[in-house]
């Protein structure tokens, strides 16, 4: 039998259990027709790129299916009739990858990143931005100018002192 991947987006108002119930009904319908769900991933409640039927977020579910084309047509018909499903897309694939999808792999990488590098340049420890004349390059130029005039580097000018 051919292999398919189906990604469906359910409304954000339903719970995760109700979103899983949608996937369960798809799996039950495919089992009765001789198909198998080989892979099932819940990607979570994610933001949509644009509003769909007044929704800004949706529950994403990926299914890896091994079924006949007629079973896929019936599954898509059932998804179209379900009011909780905003969008779905089924694609025929050569093989179903058993490893976690790119979405789940990226999410686990984000959790493992603890140290995000040094603080950005141009900020004090308090987070306040430095002014134009407070940058180190200007302070270094002032020191060089004082030293070239013959004044000591500390800013002490004997001619101005009494």
C-alpha atoms as a PDB file:
ATOM      1  CA  UNK A   1       0.000   0.000   0.000  1.00  0.00           C
ATOM      2  CA  UNK A   2       1.187   3.554  -0.612  1.00  0.00           C
ATOM      3  CA  UNK A   3       2.451   5.742   2.211  1.00  0.00           C
ATOM      4  CA  UNK A   4       1.030   9.151   3.090  1.00  0.00           C
ATOM      5  CA  UNK A   5       1.667  11.971   5.546  1.00  0.00           C
ATOM      6  CA  UNK A   6      -1.239  14.054   6.743  1.00  0.00           C
ATOM      7  CA  UNK A   7      -0.934  17.257   8.761  1.00  0.00           C
ATOM      8  CA  UNK A   8      -4.128  18.648  10.228  1.00  0.00           C
ATOM      9  CA  UNK A   9      -4.788  21.866  12.119  1.00  0.00           C
ATOM     10  CA  UNK A  10      -7.600  21.890  14.670  1.00  0.00           C
ATOM     11  CA  UNK A  11      -9.247  24.927  16.262  1.00  0.00           C
ATOM     12  CA  UNK A  12      -7.514  26.447  19.271  1.00  0.00           C
ATOM     13  CA  UNK A  13     -10.703  26.411  21.383  1.00  0.00           C
ATOM     14  CA  UNK A  14     -10.655  22.627  21.710  1.00  0.00           C
ATOM     15  CA  UNK A  15      -8.421  20.834  24.194  1.00  0.00           C
ATOM     16  CA  UNK A  16      -5.453  18.635  23.395  1.00  0.00           C
ATOM     17  CA  UNK A  17      -7.532  15.566  24.243  1.00  0.00           C
ATOM     18  CA  UNK A  18     -10.168  16.600  21.717  1.00  0.00           C
ATOM     19  CA  UNK A  19      -7.442  17.125  19.102  1.00  0.00           C
ATOM     20  CA  UNK A  20      -6.134  13.623  19.878  1.00  0.00           C
ATOM     21  CA  UNK A  21      -9.697  12.326  19.535  1.00  0.00           C
ATOM     22  CA  UNK A  22      -9.750  13.639  15.954  1.00  0.00           C
ATOM     23  CA  UNK A  23      -6.591  11.629  15.241  1.00  0.00           C
ATOM     24  CA  UNK A  24      -8.163   8.606  16.964  1.00  0.00           C
ATOM     25  CA  UNK A  25     -11.221   8.772  14.709  1.00  0.00           C
ATOM     26  CA  UNK A  26      -8.943   8.925  11.650  1.00  0.00           C
ATOM     27  CA  UNK A  27      -6.990   5.908  12.909  1.00  0.00           C
ATOM     28  CA  UNK A  28     -10.186   3.950  13.649  1.00  0.00           C
ATOM     29  CA  UNK A  29     -11.605   4.732  10.222  1.00  0.00           C
ATOM     30  CA  UNK A  30      -8.369   3.628   8.522  1.00  0.00           C
ATOM     31  CA  UNK A  31      -8.236   0.415  10.589  1.00  0.00           C
ATOM     32  CA  UNK A  32     -11.697  -0.588   9.401  1.00  0.00           C
ATOM     33  CA  UNK A  33     -10.562  -0.122   5.779  1.00  0.00           C
ATOM     34  CA  UNK A  34      -7.280  -2.004   6.221  1.00  0.00           C
ATOM     35  CA  UNK A  35      -4.920   0.939   6.707  1.00  0.00           C
ATOM     36  CA  UNK A  36      -2.402   1.582   9.471  1.00  0.00           C
ATOM     37  CA  UNK A  37      -1.202   4.733  11.267  1.00  0.00           C
ATOM     38  CA  UNK A  38       2.575   4.282  11.434  1.00  0.00           C
ATOM     39  CA  UNK A  39       3.531   7.634  12.911  1.00  0.00           C
ATOM     40  CA  UNK A  40       1.629  10.079  15.080  1.00  0.00           C
ATOM     41  CA  UNK A  41       2.955  13.377  16.434  1.00  0.00           C
ATOM     42  CA  UNK A  42       1.221  16.151  18.284  1.00  0.00           C
ATOM     43  CA  UNK A  43       3.082  19.389  17.560  1.00  0.00           C
ATOM     44  CA  UNK A  44       1.144  21.450  20.059  1.00  0.00           C
ATOM     45  CA  UNK A  45      -0.800  24.669  19.968  1.00  0.00           C
ATOM     46  CA  UNK A  46       1.046  26.871  17.477  1.00  0.00           C
ATOM     47  CA  UNK A  47       0.465  30.284  15.946  1.00  0.00           C
ATOM     48  CA  UNK A  48      -0.927  30.405  12.431  1.00  0.00           C
ATOM     49  CA  UNK A  49       0.706  32.514   9.732  1.00  0.00           C
ATOM     50  CA  UNK A  50      -2.635  34.227   9.105  1.00  0.00           C
ATOM     51  CA  UNK A  51      -6.127  34.018  10.547  1.00  0.00           C
ATOM     52  CA  UNK A  52      -8.227  31.056   9.447  1.00  0.00           C
ATOM     53  CA  UNK A  53     -11.931  31.208  10.307  1.00  0.00           C
ATOM     54  CA  UNK A  54     -11.211  33.822  13.016  1.00  0.00           C
ATOM     55  CA  UNK A  55      -8.517  31.632  14.644  1.00  0.00           C
ATOM     56  CA  UNK A  56      -4.958  32.808  15.300  1.00  0.00           C
ATOM     57  CA  UNK A  57      -3.704  29.498  16.751  1.00  0.00           C
ATOM     58  CA  UNK A  58      -4.289  25.837  16.079  1.00  0.00           C
ATOM     59  CA  UNK A  59      -3.461  22.333  17.289  1.00  0.00           C
ATOM     60  CA  UNK A  60      -1.096  20.694  14.777  1.00  0.00           C
ATOM     61  CA  UNK A  61      -1.126  16.900  14.321  1.00  0.00           C
ATOM     62  CA  UNK A  62       1.072  14.853  11.964  1.00  0.00           C
ATOM     63  CA  UNK A  63       0.040  11.354  10.909  1.00  0.00           C
ATOM     64  CA  UNK A  64       2.132   8.873   8.914  1.00  0.00           C
ATOM     65  CA  UNK A  65      -0.323   6.588   7.118  1.00  0.00           C
ATOM     66  CA  UNK A  66      -0.096   3.293   5.247  1.00  0.00           C
ATOM     67  CA  UNK A  67      -3.423   3.038   3.441  1.00  0.00           C
ATOM     68  CA  UNK A  68      -5.166   2.577   0.105  1.00  0.00           C
ATOM     69  CA  UNK A  69      -5.914   5.709  -1.925  1.00  0.00           C
ATOM     70  CA  UNK A  70      -9.668   5.171  -1.476  1.00  0.00           C
ATOM     71  CA  UNK A  71      -9.173   5.199   2.307  1.00  0.00           C
ATOM     72  CA  UNK A  72      -7.305   8.506   2.076  1.00  0.00           C
ATOM     73  CA  UNK A  73     -10.121  10.029   0.020  1.00  0.00           C
ATOM     74  CA  UNK A  74     -12.647   8.962   2.673  1.00  0.00           C
ATOM     75  CA  UNK A  75     -10.395  10.285   5.472  1.00  0.00           C
ATOM     76  CA  UNK A  76     -10.153  13.666   3.739  1.00  0.00           C
ATOM     77  CA  UNK A  77     -13.932  13.734   3.322  1.00  0.00           C
ATOM     78  CA  UNK A  78     -14.364  13.115   7.060  1.00  0.00           C
ATOM     79  CA  UNK A  79     -11.852  15.871   7.877  1.00  0.00           C
ATOM     80  CA  UNK A  80     -13.734  18.317   5.632  1.00  0.00           C
ATOM     81  CA  UNK A  81     -16.967  17.551   7.506  1.00  0.00           C
ATOM     82  CA  UNK A  82     -15.413  18.008  10.951  1.00  0.00           C
ATOM     83  CA  UNK A  83     -16.009  21.576  12.177  1.00  0.00           C
ATOM     84  CA  UNK A  84     -13.006  21.476  14.527  1.00  0.00           C
ATOM     85  CA  UNK A  85     -10.532  20.949  11.671  1.00  0.00           C
ATOM     86  CA  UNK A  86      -9.393  24.221  10.127  1.00  0.00           C
ATOM     87  CA  UNK A  87      -7.026  22.843   7.483  1.00  0.00           C
ATOM     88  CA  UNK A  88      -5.405  19.570   6.480  1.00  0.00           C
ATOM     89  CA  UNK A  89      -2.989  18.392   3.851  1.00  0.00           C
ATOM     90  CA  UNK A  90      -2.227  14.849   2.736  1.00  0.00           C
ATOM     91  CA  UNK A  91       0.850  14.010   0.697  1.00  0.00           C
ATOM     92  CA  UNK A  92       2.061  10.768  -0.784  1.00  0.00           C
ATOM     93  CA  UNK A  93       5.619   9.989   0.345  1.00  0.00           C
ATOM     94  CA  UNK A  94       8.175   7.323  -0.532  1.00  0.00           C
ATOM     95  CA  UNK A  95       8.852   6.384   3.093  1.00  0.00           C
ATOM     96  CA  UNK A  96       7.746   7.403   6.556  1.00  0.00           C
ATOM     97  CA  UNK A  97      10.667   8.597   8.653  1.00  0.00           C
ATOM     98  CA  UNK A  98      10.515   7.078  12.148  1.00  0.00           C
ATOM     99  CA  UNK A  99      12.704   9.840  13.637  1.00  0.00           C
ATOM    100  CA  UNK A 100      11.022  12.907  15.140  1.00  0.00           C
ATOM    101  CA  UNK A 101       9.967  15.476  12.575  1.00  0.00           C
ATOM    102  CA  UNK A 102      11.828  18.747  12.077  1.00  0.00           C
ATOM    103  CA  UNK A 103       9.264  20.592  14.200  1.00  0.00           C
ATOM    104  CA  UNK A 104       9.785  18.356  17.250  1.00  0.00           C
ATOM    105  CA  UNK A 105      13.568  18.202  16.750  1.00  0.00           C
ATOM    106  CA  UNK A 106      13.810  22.005  16.674  1.00  0.00           C
ATOM    107  CA  UNK A 107      11.697  22.328  19.807  1.00  0.00           C
ATOM    108  CA  UNK A 108      14.010  19.975  21.735  1.00  0.00           C
ATOM    109  CA  UNK A 109      17.047  21.962  20.526  1.00  0.00           C
ATOM    110  CA  UNK A 110      15.493  25.150  21.905  1.00  0.00           C
ATOM    111  CA  UNK A 111      15.075  23.548  25.321  1.00  0.00           C
ATOM    112  CA  UNK A 112      18.700  22.442  25.451  1.00  0.00           C
ATOM    113  CA  UNK A 113      20.060  25.923  24.703  1.00  0.00           C
ATOM    114  CA  UNK A 114      20.793  27.476  28.050  1.00  0.00           C
ATOM    115  CA  UNK A 115      23.727  29.798  27.493  1.00  0.00           C
ATOM    116  CA  UNK A 116      23.001  32.301  24.728  1.00  0.00           C
ATOM    117  CA  UNK A 117      26.436  33.880  24.479  1.00  0.00           C
ATOM    118  CA  UNK A 118      27.970  37.066  25.831  1.00  0.00           C
ATOM    119  CA  UNK A 119      25.984  40.226  26.405  1.00  0.00           C
ATOM    120  CA  UNK A 120      25.670  42.461  23.374  1.00  0.00           C
ATOM    121  CA  UNK A 121      28.217  45.238  23.051  1.00  0.00           C
ATOM    122  CA  UNK A 122      27.137  48.788  23.735  1.00  0.00           C
ATOM    123  CA  UNK A 123      25.236  48.181  26.950  1.00  0.00           C
ATOM    124  CA  UNK A 124      26.074  48.717  30.584  1.00  0.00           C
ATOM    125  CA  UNK A 125      25.417  45.992  33.134  1.00  0.00           C
ATOM    126  CA  UNK A 126      22.126  47.666  33.990  1.00  0.00           C
ATOM    127  CA  UNK A 127      20.943  47.359  30.385  1.00  0.00           C
ATOM    128  CA  UNK A 128      20.898  51.105  29.765  1.00  0.00           C
ATOM    129  CA  UNK A 129      22.197  52.066  26.348  1.00  0.00           C
ATOM    130  CA  UNK A 130      25.406  54.035  26.231  1.00  0.00           C
ATOM    131  CA  UNK A 131      25.324  57.563  24.920  1.00  0.00           C
ATOM    132  CA  UNK A 132      27.121  58.686  21.798  1.00  0.00           C
ATOM    133  CA  UNK A 133      30.170  60.035  23.652  1.00  0.00           C
ATOM    134  CA  UNK A 134      30.286  57.178  26.173  1.00  0.00           C
ATOM    135  CA  UNK A 135      31.469  54.574  23.686  1.00  0.00           C
ATOM    136  CA  UNK A 136      34.903  53.171  24.351  1.00  0.00           C
ATOM    137  CA  UNK A 137      36.339  54.326  21.041  1.00  0.00           C
ATOM    138  CA  UNK A 138      35.682  57.970  21.988  1.00  0.00           C
ATOM    139  CA  UNK A 139      37.184  57.504  25.437  1.00  0.00           C
ATOM    140  CA  UNK A 140      40.291  55.985  23.852  1.00  0.00           C
ATOM    141  CA  UNK A 141      40.580  58.932  21.429  1.00  0.00           C
ATOM    142  CA  UNK A 142      40.359  61.404  24.309  1.00  0.00           C
ATOM    143  CA  UNK A 143      43.197  59.633  26.119  1.00  0.00           C
ATOM    144  CA  UNK A 144      45.339  59.603  22.988  1.00  0.00           C
ATOM    145  CA  UNK A 145      44.698  63.326  22.401  1.00  0.00           C
ATOM    146  CA  UNK A 146      45.664  64.173  25.986  1.00  0.00           C
ATOM    147  CA  UNK A 147      48.850  62.116  25.800  1.00  0.00           C
ATOM    148  CA  UNK A 148      49.885  63.708  22.493  1.00  0.00           C
ATOM    149  CA  UNK A 149      49.461  67.185  23.981  1.00  0.00           C
ATOM    150  CA  UNK A 150      51.898  66.242  26.702  1.00  0.00           C
ATOM    151  CA  UNK A 151      49.341  66.074  29.473  1.00  0.00           C
ATOM    152  CA  UNK A 152      49.440  63.081  31.805  1.00  0.00           C
ATOM    153  CA  UNK A 153      46.861  60.358  31.122  1.00  0.00           C
ATOM    154  CA  UNK A 154      44.979  60.974  34.364  1.00  0.00           C
ATOM    155  CA  UNK A 155      43.470  64.253  33.209  1.00  0.00           C
ATOM    156  CA  UNK A 156      45.603  66.336  35.604  1.00  0.00           C
ATOM    157  CA  UNK A 157      46.717  69.590  33.990  1.00  0.00           C
ATOM    158  CA  UNK A 158      49.374  71.428  36.087  1.00  0.00           C
ATOM    159  CA  UNK A 159      48.828  74.689  34.224  1.00  0.00           C
ATOM    160  CA  UNK A 160      45.180  74.858  35.226  1.00  0.00           C
ATOM    161  CA  UNK A 161      45.797  73.938  38.853  1.00  0.00           C
ATOM    162  CA  UNK A 162      46.879  76.628  41.359  1.00  0.00           C
END
